Protein backbone atom coordinates (compact mmCIF):
# COMPACT_ATOMS: atom_id res chain seq x y z
CA MET A 1 51.92 133.50 157.16
CA ALA A 2 50.62 130.06 156.39
CA ALA A 3 48.45 129.95 153.31
CA VAL A 4 45.59 128.29 155.19
CA LEU A 5 44.60 130.06 158.38
CA ILE A 6 43.45 127.64 161.09
CA LEU A 7 41.18 129.29 163.62
CA ALA A 8 40.38 126.95 166.52
CA VAL A 9 37.79 128.12 169.06
CA ALA A 10 36.65 125.17 171.11
CA LEU A 11 37.10 121.86 169.34
CA THR A 12 39.71 119.97 167.38
CA SER A 13 39.01 119.86 163.66
CA CYS A 14 37.30 116.82 162.22
CA GLY A 15 38.48 117.68 158.71
CA ALA A 16 36.73 118.96 155.63
CA ASP A 17 35.11 115.64 154.78
CA GLY A 18 32.57 116.25 157.53
CA GLY A 19 33.07 112.87 159.19
CA GLN A 20 30.79 109.86 158.94
CA ALA A 21 29.27 109.71 162.45
CA GLY A 22 25.72 108.44 162.73
CA SER A 23 25.90 105.43 160.41
CA THR A 24 28.30 102.76 159.23
CA GLY A 25 26.52 102.06 155.93
CA GLU A 26 27.62 103.06 152.44
CA ILE A 27 26.82 106.61 151.28
CA ASP A 28 23.59 106.60 149.26
CA ARG A 29 24.38 108.82 146.30
CA SER A 30 20.78 108.58 145.07
CA ALA A 31 19.23 109.80 148.35
CA THR A 32 17.26 112.94 149.15
CA LEU A 33 18.37 114.61 152.39
CA ARG A 34 15.58 116.54 154.12
CA VAL A 35 16.54 119.04 156.83
CA ALA A 36 14.28 121.42 158.79
CA GLY A 37 15.46 124.55 160.54
CA ASN A 38 13.44 127.15 162.42
CA VAL A 39 13.67 129.94 159.82
CA VAL A 40 12.14 129.98 156.34
CA PRO A 41 13.88 130.77 153.03
CA ASN A 42 13.71 134.45 152.29
CA ASN A 43 16.17 135.78 149.72
CA LEU A 44 17.88 134.10 146.77
CA ASP A 45 20.41 136.91 146.14
CA PRO A 46 23.36 136.53 148.55
CA HIS A 47 24.26 140.20 148.23
CA GLN A 48 20.74 141.28 149.17
CA SER A 49 20.67 139.29 152.39
CA GLY A 50 18.96 141.01 155.29
CA ASN A 51 20.14 138.38 157.75
CA TYR A 52 23.10 136.05 157.20
CA GLN A 53 21.84 133.64 159.84
CA ILE A 54 18.54 133.16 157.98
CA ASP A 55 19.86 133.03 154.42
CA PHE A 56 23.08 131.00 154.71
CA PRO A 57 21.51 127.50 154.94
CA TYR A 58 19.45 128.07 151.80
CA LEU A 59 22.11 129.84 149.71
CA SER A 60 25.26 127.88 150.57
CA PRO A 61 24.40 124.77 148.49
CA VAL A 62 24.40 126.82 145.26
CA TYR A 63 26.93 129.58 146.01
CA ASP A 64 30.60 128.91 146.71
CA ARG A 65 32.93 131.39 148.40
CA LEU A 66 36.69 131.89 148.36
CA ALA A 67 36.94 130.19 151.76
CA GLN A 68 34.70 128.01 153.92
CA ALA A 69 34.23 127.17 157.59
CA VAL A 70 34.54 123.49 158.49
CA SER A 71 34.23 121.70 161.79
CA GLY A 72 36.68 122.90 164.41
CA PRO A 73 35.92 125.60 163.42
CA GLU A 74 38.57 126.18 160.80
CA ILE A 75 38.69 128.45 157.78
CA VAL A 76 39.95 126.42 154.83
CA PRO A 77 40.07 126.80 151.03
CA MET A 78 37.02 126.66 148.79
CA LEU A 79 37.22 128.51 145.47
CA ALA A 80 40.64 129.73 146.59
CA GLU A 81 43.21 126.92 146.80
CA SER A 82 45.34 129.00 149.15
CA TRP A 83 46.03 132.53 150.33
CA ASP A 84 49.01 134.52 151.56
CA PHE A 85 49.09 137.62 153.78
CA ALA A 86 51.52 140.44 153.07
CA ASP A 87 53.96 141.19 155.88
CA ASP A 88 51.93 144.18 157.07
CA GLY A 89 48.69 142.15 157.14
CA ARG A 90 46.98 144.66 154.84
CA SER A 91 47.01 142.65 151.62
CA VAL A 92 46.05 139.06 150.84
CA ASP A 93 46.63 137.16 147.60
CA PHE A 94 44.11 134.39 146.85
CA THR A 95 45.13 131.69 144.38
CA LEU A 96 42.03 130.25 142.68
CA ARG A 97 41.34 126.62 141.89
CA PRO A 98 41.62 125.90 138.16
CA ASP A 99 38.60 123.57 137.92
CA ALA A 100 35.72 125.68 139.28
CA GLU A 101 32.93 126.78 136.96
CA PHE A 102 29.56 128.50 137.21
CA HIS A 103 26.44 126.50 136.48
CA ASP A 104 26.31 127.94 132.95
CA GLY A 105 29.82 126.56 132.26
CA ALA A 106 31.71 129.86 132.58
CA ALA A 107 35.02 129.71 134.43
CA VAL A 108 35.28 131.07 137.96
CA ASP A 109 38.43 133.06 137.15
CA ALA A 110 39.94 136.13 138.77
CA ALA A 111 37.86 138.54 136.67
CA ALA A 112 34.65 136.79 137.76
CA VAL A 113 35.67 136.85 141.43
CA VAL A 114 36.57 140.55 141.26
CA ALA A 115 33.26 141.38 139.56
CA SER A 116 31.31 139.48 142.22
CA LEU A 117 33.12 141.02 145.19
CA GLU A 118 32.76 144.49 143.68
CA ARG A 119 29.02 143.86 143.39
CA ALA A 120 28.90 142.78 147.04
CA ARG A 121 30.79 145.96 148.05
CA ASP A 122 28.61 148.34 146.02
CA PRO A 123 25.84 149.90 148.17
CA GLN A 124 23.81 150.51 145.00
CA ARG A 125 23.70 146.79 144.24
CA SER A 126 24.13 145.22 147.65
CA LYS A 127 22.65 145.29 151.14
CA VAL A 128 25.78 143.72 152.61
CA ALA A 129 28.32 146.31 151.45
CA GLY A 130 29.02 147.31 155.05
CA ARG A 131 30.41 143.84 155.80
CA PHE A 132 33.42 144.72 153.63
CA ASP A 133 34.31 148.09 155.16
CA MET A 134 37.87 146.88 155.77
CA VAL A 135 38.44 146.29 152.02
CA ASP A 136 40.16 149.01 149.96
CA THR A 137 40.60 147.31 146.59
CA VAL A 138 39.93 143.99 144.85
CA THR A 139 42.07 143.36 141.78
CA ALA A 140 43.01 140.53 139.43
CA VAL A 141 46.79 139.97 139.50
CA ASP A 142 46.37 137.37 136.75
CA ASP A 143 43.67 134.90 135.69
CA ALA A 144 44.24 132.74 138.77
CA THR A 145 45.11 135.31 141.46
CA VAL A 146 42.96 137.88 143.26
CA ARG A 147 44.57 140.49 145.51
CA ILE A 148 42.52 142.18 148.23
CA THR A 149 44.00 145.17 150.04
CA THR A 150 42.56 146.36 153.33
CA ASN A 151 42.58 149.57 155.37
CA ARG A 152 43.63 147.72 158.53
CA PRO A 153 45.37 144.47 159.43
CA ALA A 154 42.72 141.90 158.57
CA LEU A 155 43.30 138.51 160.15
CA ASP A 156 39.56 138.03 159.78
CA LEU A 157 39.39 138.55 156.00
CA PRO A 158 39.32 134.84 155.00
CA SER A 159 36.61 134.26 157.59
CA VAL A 160 34.56 137.21 156.28
CA LEU A 161 34.91 135.77 152.78
CA SER A 162 33.58 132.38 153.94
CA THR A 163 30.01 133.63 154.42
CA THR A 164 27.29 133.75 151.78
CA GLU A 165 27.44 137.55 152.02
CA ALA A 166 30.71 137.11 150.10
CA ALA A 167 29.31 134.47 147.75
CA ILE A 168 30.79 134.47 144.26
CA VAL A 169 27.95 135.15 141.85
CA ASN A 170 28.07 135.09 138.06
CA VAL A 171 27.85 138.82 137.36
CA ARG A 172 28.15 138.30 133.59
CA ALA A 173 25.08 136.06 133.62
CA ILE A 174 23.14 138.60 135.68
CA GLU A 175 24.10 141.38 133.27
CA ALA A 176 22.95 139.12 130.41
CA GLY A 177 19.47 138.84 131.92
CA VAL A 178 19.50 136.05 134.50
CA ASP A 179 17.09 137.01 137.29
CA ILE A 180 19.01 136.08 140.44
CA ALA A 181 15.85 136.70 142.49
CA THR A 182 14.20 133.65 140.91
CA THR A 183 17.09 131.40 139.82
CA ASP A 184 20.71 130.89 140.73
CA ALA A 185 23.91 132.31 139.29
CA GLY A 186 26.28 130.24 141.37
CA SER A 187 29.03 127.64 141.15
CA GLY A 188 28.17 125.39 144.10
CA PRO A 189 27.49 121.66 144.34
CA TYR A 190 23.71 122.03 143.80
CA VAL A 191 21.29 124.02 141.68
CA PHE A 192 17.85 125.25 142.68
CA ASP A 193 15.11 122.85 141.62
CA GLN A 194 11.97 124.28 143.21
CA VAL A 195 11.76 127.42 145.33
CA ARG A 196 8.84 128.06 147.67
CA PRO A 197 9.56 131.34 149.51
CA GLY A 198 8.48 131.26 153.11
CA ASP A 199 8.51 127.44 153.11
CA ARG A 200 11.28 125.37 151.48
CA ILE A 201 13.75 124.93 148.65
CA THR A 202 14.62 121.72 146.83
CA TYR A 203 17.97 121.26 145.08
CA ALA A 204 19.44 118.92 142.49
CA ARG A 205 23.08 117.81 142.33
CA TYR A 206 25.21 119.73 139.81
CA ASP A 207 27.16 117.23 137.70
CA GLY A 208 30.88 117.85 137.36
CA TYR A 209 31.38 119.77 140.59
CA TRP A 210 35.01 119.72 141.78
CA ASP A 211 34.30 118.33 145.30
CA PRO A 212 32.08 115.19 145.19
CA GLU A 213 32.18 114.92 149.00
CA ALA A 214 30.20 118.16 149.14
CA GLN A 215 27.28 116.64 147.21
CA LYS A 216 26.67 113.24 148.76
CA PRO A 217 22.86 113.21 148.25
CA ALA A 218 21.39 113.46 144.76
CA ARG A 219 18.83 115.93 146.09
CA LEU A 220 18.34 118.25 149.05
CA GLU A 221 15.16 119.58 150.59
CA LEU A 222 15.75 122.38 153.08
CA MET A 223 12.72 123.77 154.85
CA GLY A 224 11.83 126.23 157.57
CA ILE A 225 9.38 125.14 160.27
CA PRO A 226 9.30 127.95 162.87
CA ASP A 227 6.87 126.15 165.17
CA ASP A 228 8.85 123.90 167.52
CA ASN A 229 6.13 121.26 167.89
CA SER A 230 5.55 120.99 164.14
CA ARG A 231 9.26 120.65 163.47
CA LEU A 232 9.66 117.95 166.12
CA ASN A 233 6.61 116.05 164.84
CA ALA A 234 7.98 116.15 161.28
CA PHE A 235 11.20 114.58 162.57
CA ARG A 236 9.51 112.03 164.79
CA SER A 237 7.28 110.88 161.92
CA GLY A 238 10.15 110.55 159.45
CA GLN A 239 9.11 113.43 157.18
CA VAL A 240 12.56 114.98 157.67
CA ASP A 241 15.98 113.46 158.36
CA ALA A 242 17.34 116.16 160.67
CA ILE A 243 16.12 119.20 162.59
CA LYS A 244 17.51 122.11 164.52
CA VAL A 245 16.60 121.78 168.20
CA ASP A 246 15.83 124.91 170.22
CA PRO A 247 16.86 125.05 173.89
CA ASP A 248 13.27 124.85 175.12
CA GLN A 249 12.90 121.51 173.31
CA TYR A 250 15.80 119.79 175.05
CA VAL A 251 13.85 117.61 177.47
CA GLU A 252 11.31 116.58 174.85
CA ILE A 253 13.93 115.73 172.21
CA GLN A 254 15.78 113.51 174.69
CA ASN A 255 12.67 111.34 174.95
CA VAL A 256 12.69 110.95 171.17
CA VAL A 257 16.37 110.22 170.57
CA GLN A 258 16.47 107.49 173.22
CA LYS A 259 14.58 105.37 170.71
CA ALA A 260 16.33 103.34 168.04
CA GLY A 261 16.89 105.12 164.76
CA PHE A 262 17.49 108.61 166.19
CA GLU A 263 20.64 110.54 167.16
CA PHE A 264 21.39 113.84 168.91
CA HIS A 265 24.41 116.17 168.92
CA GLU A 266 25.20 119.28 170.94
CA TYR A 267 27.80 121.78 169.71
CA PRO A 268 29.80 124.10 172.00
CA THR A 269 28.13 127.09 173.61
CA VAL A 270 29.42 130.13 171.74
CA GLN A 271 26.29 132.08 170.77
CA THR A 272 24.50 134.22 173.34
CA TYR A 273 21.06 135.73 173.78
CA ALA A 274 20.94 139.38 174.82
CA VAL A 275 18.76 142.43 174.78
CA GLN A 276 20.97 144.30 172.35
CA LEU A 277 21.06 147.99 173.23
CA ASP A 278 21.48 151.28 171.45
CA ILE A 279 23.60 152.89 174.16
CA GLY A 280 22.82 156.32 172.75
CA THR A 281 19.11 155.97 173.55
CA PRO A 282 17.94 158.80 175.85
CA GLY A 283 18.07 157.45 179.38
CA LEU A 284 20.60 154.71 178.55
CA GLU A 285 23.69 156.86 177.98
CA ASP A 286 24.96 156.34 181.53
CA PRO A 287 26.63 152.91 182.02
CA LYS A 288 25.13 152.78 185.53
CA VAL A 289 21.65 152.63 184.00
CA ARG A 290 22.67 149.80 181.68
CA GLN A 291 24.33 147.98 184.58
CA ALA A 292 21.08 148.35 186.53
CA LEU A 293 19.19 146.64 183.70
CA ASN A 294 21.61 143.73 183.93
CA TYR A 295 21.25 143.36 187.70
CA ALA A 296 17.46 143.28 187.24
CA ILE A 297 17.56 140.04 185.22
CA ASP A 298 17.11 136.63 186.84
CA ARG A 299 19.09 134.62 184.30
CA GLU A 300 18.94 131.37 186.22
CA GLY A 301 15.17 131.70 186.49
CA ILE A 302 14.80 132.29 182.76
CA ASN A 303 17.12 129.38 182.03
CA SER A 304 15.31 126.87 184.21
CA ALA A 305 11.75 128.02 183.50
CA LEU A 306 11.95 128.61 179.75
CA LEU A 307 15.03 126.91 178.32
CA ASP A 308 15.26 123.49 179.96
CA GLY A 309 18.52 124.48 181.65
CA LYS A 310 20.30 124.74 178.27
CA CYS A 311 21.01 128.49 178.32
CA THR A 312 24.01 129.17 180.59
CA PRO A 313 23.85 132.66 182.19
CA VAL A 314 26.43 135.10 180.80
CA SER A 315 27.65 138.55 181.80
CA GLN A 316 29.98 139.33 178.87
CA PRO A 317 30.15 138.92 175.08
CA LEU A 318 32.48 135.90 175.00
CA PRO A 319 31.01 132.92 176.91
CA GLU A 320 33.02 130.44 178.92
CA GLY A 321 35.04 128.11 176.68
CA VAL A 322 35.69 130.74 174.02
CA ASP A 323 39.18 132.25 173.76
CA GLY A 324 39.04 135.65 175.48
CA HIS A 325 36.41 134.84 178.10
CA ASP A 326 37.20 136.88 181.23
CA GLY A 327 36.95 134.47 184.15
CA THR A 328 36.80 137.32 186.66
CA ARG A 329 33.53 138.52 185.14
CA THR A 330 31.74 135.21 184.70
CA ASP A 331 29.16 136.23 187.31
CA ARG A 332 29.48 140.00 186.88
CA TYR A 333 25.70 140.52 186.94
CA ALA A 334 24.24 138.19 189.52
CA TYR A 335 20.51 138.78 190.03
CA ASP A 336 20.16 141.73 192.46
CA PRO A 337 17.04 143.89 191.96
CA ASP A 338 17.91 146.05 194.98
CA LYS A 339 21.26 146.93 193.44
CA ALA A 340 19.46 147.66 190.16
CA ARG A 341 17.17 150.17 191.87
CA ALA A 342 20.11 151.78 193.68
CA LEU A 343 22.06 152.22 190.44
CA LEU A 344 19.04 153.72 188.67
CA LYS A 345 18.67 156.21 191.52
CA ALA A 346 22.41 157.05 191.58
CA ALA A 347 22.32 157.70 187.82
CA ASN A 348 19.22 159.91 188.09
CA ALA A 349 17.52 157.70 185.54
CA PRO A 350 14.13 158.94 184.29
CA GLU A 351 11.33 157.67 186.52
CA ASP A 352 9.38 156.70 183.42
CA LEU A 353 12.31 155.05 181.63
CA THR A 354 10.84 153.10 178.69
CA ILE A 355 12.76 150.91 176.25
CA PRO A 356 11.07 149.68 173.04
CA VAL A 357 12.29 146.07 172.77
CA ILE A 358 12.01 144.30 169.41
CA PHE A 359 11.80 140.52 169.20
CA VAL A 360 11.20 138.24 166.22
CA ALA A 361 7.48 137.64 165.89
CA GLY A 362 6.52 134.03 166.57
CA ALA A 363 10.10 132.96 167.33
CA SER A 364 10.64 130.67 170.27
CA PRO A 365 12.19 131.07 172.81
CA GLN A 366 12.69 134.79 172.08
CA GLN A 367 9.06 135.76 172.63
CA GLU A 368 8.89 133.90 175.96
CA MET A 369 12.20 135.42 177.05
CA ALA A 370 10.96 138.88 176.08
CA THR A 371 7.93 138.52 178.33
CA ALA A 372 10.14 137.39 181.25
CA VAL A 373 12.59 140.26 180.73
CA GLN A 374 9.68 142.71 180.57
CA ALA A 375 8.36 141.53 183.96
CA GLN A 376 11.78 141.62 185.61
CA LEU A 377 12.56 145.13 184.37
CA GLN A 378 9.13 146.31 185.45
CA ALA A 379 9.94 145.09 188.97
CA VAL A 380 12.73 147.72 189.20
CA GLY A 381 10.70 150.49 187.59
CA VAL A 382 11.75 150.17 183.93
CA THR A 383 9.19 149.63 181.17
CA ALA A 384 10.05 147.34 178.28
CA GLN A 385 7.62 147.99 175.43
CA LEU A 386 7.59 144.73 173.46
CA LEU A 387 7.46 144.99 169.66
CA PRO A 388 7.07 141.73 167.69
CA ILE A 389 8.54 142.23 164.20
CA PRO A 390 9.12 139.73 161.34
CA ALA A 391 12.62 138.26 161.27
CA VAL A 392 13.56 139.90 157.98
CA ASP A 393 12.83 143.37 159.40
CA ALA A 394 13.94 143.05 163.02
CA GLN A 395 17.64 143.90 162.56
CA ALA A 396 16.95 146.71 160.10
CA THR A 397 14.46 148.32 162.47
CA PHE A 398 16.90 148.05 165.39
CA ARG A 399 19.57 149.71 163.27
CA THR A 400 17.52 152.92 163.03
CA GLY A 401 18.29 153.57 166.70
CA HIS A 402 16.64 153.99 170.11
CA TYR A 403 15.45 150.36 170.30
CA GLY A 404 16.47 147.24 172.13
CA LEU A 405 16.51 143.92 170.27
CA LEU A 406 16.09 140.60 172.07
CA ASN A 407 17.89 138.18 169.84
CA SER A 408 21.08 136.14 169.65
CA ARG A 409 24.43 137.80 169.16
CA LEU A 410 26.12 136.01 166.26
CA ALA A 411 29.43 134.27 166.85
CA TYR A 412 32.22 133.85 164.30
CA PRO A 413 35.31 131.61 164.01
CA ILE A 414 37.57 134.37 165.41
CA PRO A 415 36.52 135.93 168.75
CA GLY A 416 37.83 139.30 167.57
CA GLN A 417 35.57 139.03 164.56
CA SER A 418 32.61 138.31 166.86
CA LEU A 419 33.41 141.41 168.92
CA MET A 420 33.89 143.59 165.86
CA LEU A 421 30.76 142.56 163.96
CA ASN A 422 28.52 142.71 167.02
CA TYR A 423 29.75 146.01 168.46
CA LEU A 424 31.63 147.95 165.76
CA ALA A 425 29.00 147.52 163.03
CA ASP A 426 26.18 150.08 163.17
CA TYR A 427 23.56 147.58 162.01
CA ARG A 428 24.16 145.61 165.22
CA PHE A 429 25.26 148.44 167.54
CA PRO A 430 23.80 151.77 166.37
CA THR A 431 25.73 154.07 168.75
CA PRO A 432 29.51 153.44 168.60
CA PRO A 433 31.18 151.89 171.64
CA SER A 434 34.13 153.54 173.40
CA PRO A 435 37.26 154.31 171.34
CA GLU A 436 39.20 152.15 173.80
CA PHE A 437 37.02 149.13 172.96
CA ALA A 438 37.36 149.74 169.22
CA ASP A 439 41.16 150.07 169.44
CA VAL A 440 41.55 146.85 171.40
CA VAL A 441 39.34 144.86 169.01
CA LEU A 442 41.15 146.13 165.92
CA GLN A 443 44.55 145.37 167.49
CA SER A 444 43.42 141.79 168.03
CA LEU A 445 42.95 141.36 164.26
CA ASP A 446 46.61 142.03 163.44
CA PRO A 447 48.05 138.83 161.90
CA SER A 448 51.56 139.69 163.15
CA ILE A 449 50.88 139.46 166.90
CA SER A 450 51.25 136.29 168.95
CA ASP A 451 48.35 134.10 170.05
CA ALA A 452 49.01 135.04 173.69
CA GLU A 453 48.87 138.76 172.87
CA ARG A 454 45.66 138.21 170.91
CA THR A 455 44.01 136.40 173.82
CA GLU A 456 44.92 139.25 176.20
CA LEU A 457 43.26 141.72 173.84
CA TYR A 458 40.12 139.58 173.62
CA VAL A 459 39.89 139.49 177.42
CA GLU A 460 40.37 143.25 177.64
CA ALA A 461 37.67 143.94 175.05
CA SER A 462 35.21 141.53 176.65
CA ALA A 463 35.80 143.22 180.03
CA ILE A 464 35.13 146.68 178.58
CA ALA A 465 31.85 145.51 177.04
CA SER A 466 30.85 143.77 180.27
CA ASP A 467 31.61 146.69 182.58
CA GLY A 468 30.05 149.12 180.11
CA ALA A 469 26.95 146.90 179.93
CA TYR A 470 26.82 147.14 176.15
CA ASP A 471 23.97 144.60 176.25
CA VAL A 472 21.53 143.25 178.74
CA PHE A 473 23.39 139.95 178.75
CA LEU A 474 21.16 136.89 179.13
CA CYS A 475 22.54 133.41 178.43
CA GLY A 476 24.57 131.29 176.04
CA VAL A 477 23.09 128.44 174.04
CA PRO A 478 24.61 125.51 172.17
CA THR A 479 23.56 124.57 168.67
CA MET A 480 21.67 121.29 168.94
CA VAL A 481 20.62 118.93 166.17
CA ALA A 482 18.63 115.70 166.07
CA TYR A 483 18.93 113.36 163.10
CA SER A 484 18.09 109.90 161.90
CA SER A 485 20.70 107.18 162.38
CA ASN A 486 21.20 106.72 158.64
CA THR A 487 22.30 110.36 158.33
CA VAL A 488 25.99 111.29 158.31
CA GLY A 489 27.83 114.55 158.92
CA MET A 490 25.24 116.21 161.13
CA ASP A 491 27.65 116.28 164.08
CA THR A 492 30.34 118.13 162.09
CA LEU A 493 28.42 120.98 160.46
CA GLY A 494 31.07 123.66 159.99
CA GLN A 495 28.95 126.70 160.79
CA SER A 496 27.34 125.05 163.82
CA ASP A 497 30.64 125.16 165.72
CA PHE A 498 30.15 128.88 166.22
CA THR A 499 26.56 129.78 165.38
CA SER A 500 23.15 128.14 165.04
CA VAL A 501 23.34 127.89 161.25
CA PHE A 502 22.93 124.66 159.29
CA ASP A 503 25.69 124.00 156.78
CA ILE A 504 24.94 120.62 155.24
CA ARG A 505 27.83 120.69 152.75
CA TYR A 506 29.31 117.37 153.90
CA ALA A 507 26.13 115.75 155.22
CA GLY A 508 24.37 112.85 153.56
CA LYS A 509 22.49 109.58 154.01
CA THR A 510 23.52 105.96 153.92
CA THR A 511 21.93 102.86 152.48
CA SER A 512 21.31 101.44 155.96
């Protein structure tokens, strides 16, 4: 198999240089790039991450991985120059770049990579060990080669290794006393300068990094501004160069970017909102009950009233435009409260059926959507007990079982990876789905099958999840960003092609 695995979902790659859209001026290598998202920095240890979507933007500037996602999306080399799959798809050899070093000057060699990945896989030292369940062994073949064996065909392994959960940390430095909770032990293009948990992090360029295009600005300032109005005002006033735009801000941001000096970009719709379910919750075991919950939801009403028309209704895990979307189920759950009541009656659902539904406290539009979902379920006789919980605790609480969670389902470069991590991982789907669903998803991750066979498997898996009503499906949203006209690379953020995560690796500012 080709050493570099290209994983196209919706767009043609723009290349690893991130493009130069937004300005025609020269790159200002002395600039400070200021970017505001809607989540605050939380954890400085990549292997202690409670939420990849929250932590990636703040960790990726200082922590490299074996592979990286670039615009397309594609999975391309990072610390690994190349990789090769064994014929059975159960072993991958990664050849490391010779010029990578940690910020203390130590070489990023095979022994260092093995030590880091073993730390990430160790439940005693890591909260993300479950992300590597497919890995059997990680060994150093020689100083420049790492071999990873897996317990199943693992087409998705390079993609898994592109996240900050698989960041390569300097384990020797940590063992020597470096406190990774307060400083970095990475090998990326920047080092931490000032850390203000719950607010922002500033970064300084690391001299001598092997990829100068990944460190265009001299300094970065990445901040979290959860309040939509405050974030927009910071952008409008020039306090920040770029912001993440939530769907309910679409109309307002259009009024801003029509003015000179501002730009706007919308990525494909691949990430979806849902009330994620524990299908083993008493009262929800019968698929008819879960189908009834789906028929009770007025998705078009939620979209138009709360999300400025930017959240396309969905009835399955893979939205339209993503490989594997089942066109016959696009409108599987059209709004029909009478059908919802009939299904609840046919399933002998409890008359007092109550679902505790977690949402991220203070997060917009989740809290508004939660209130709308609560009212629509109540109209068919189902009580949604709303539980606002801080972002860092929401997923962990859901994992304990017998809750719903109104949040976005994460998307990944490979649709099969999206299906697996959202429905075969207990932290996102506490009660296992059907064996049929699991078998189909795992078959799709075999590197030896054809693209046509893989697409058929994606469609089959998406249909099983849709008919089984594994979620209360809501709507799909694009990642949207607004940025100043002297900012480059904001329309080719690698991660943003498949999830609402900022990855400013190739972004920068110009002199004009």
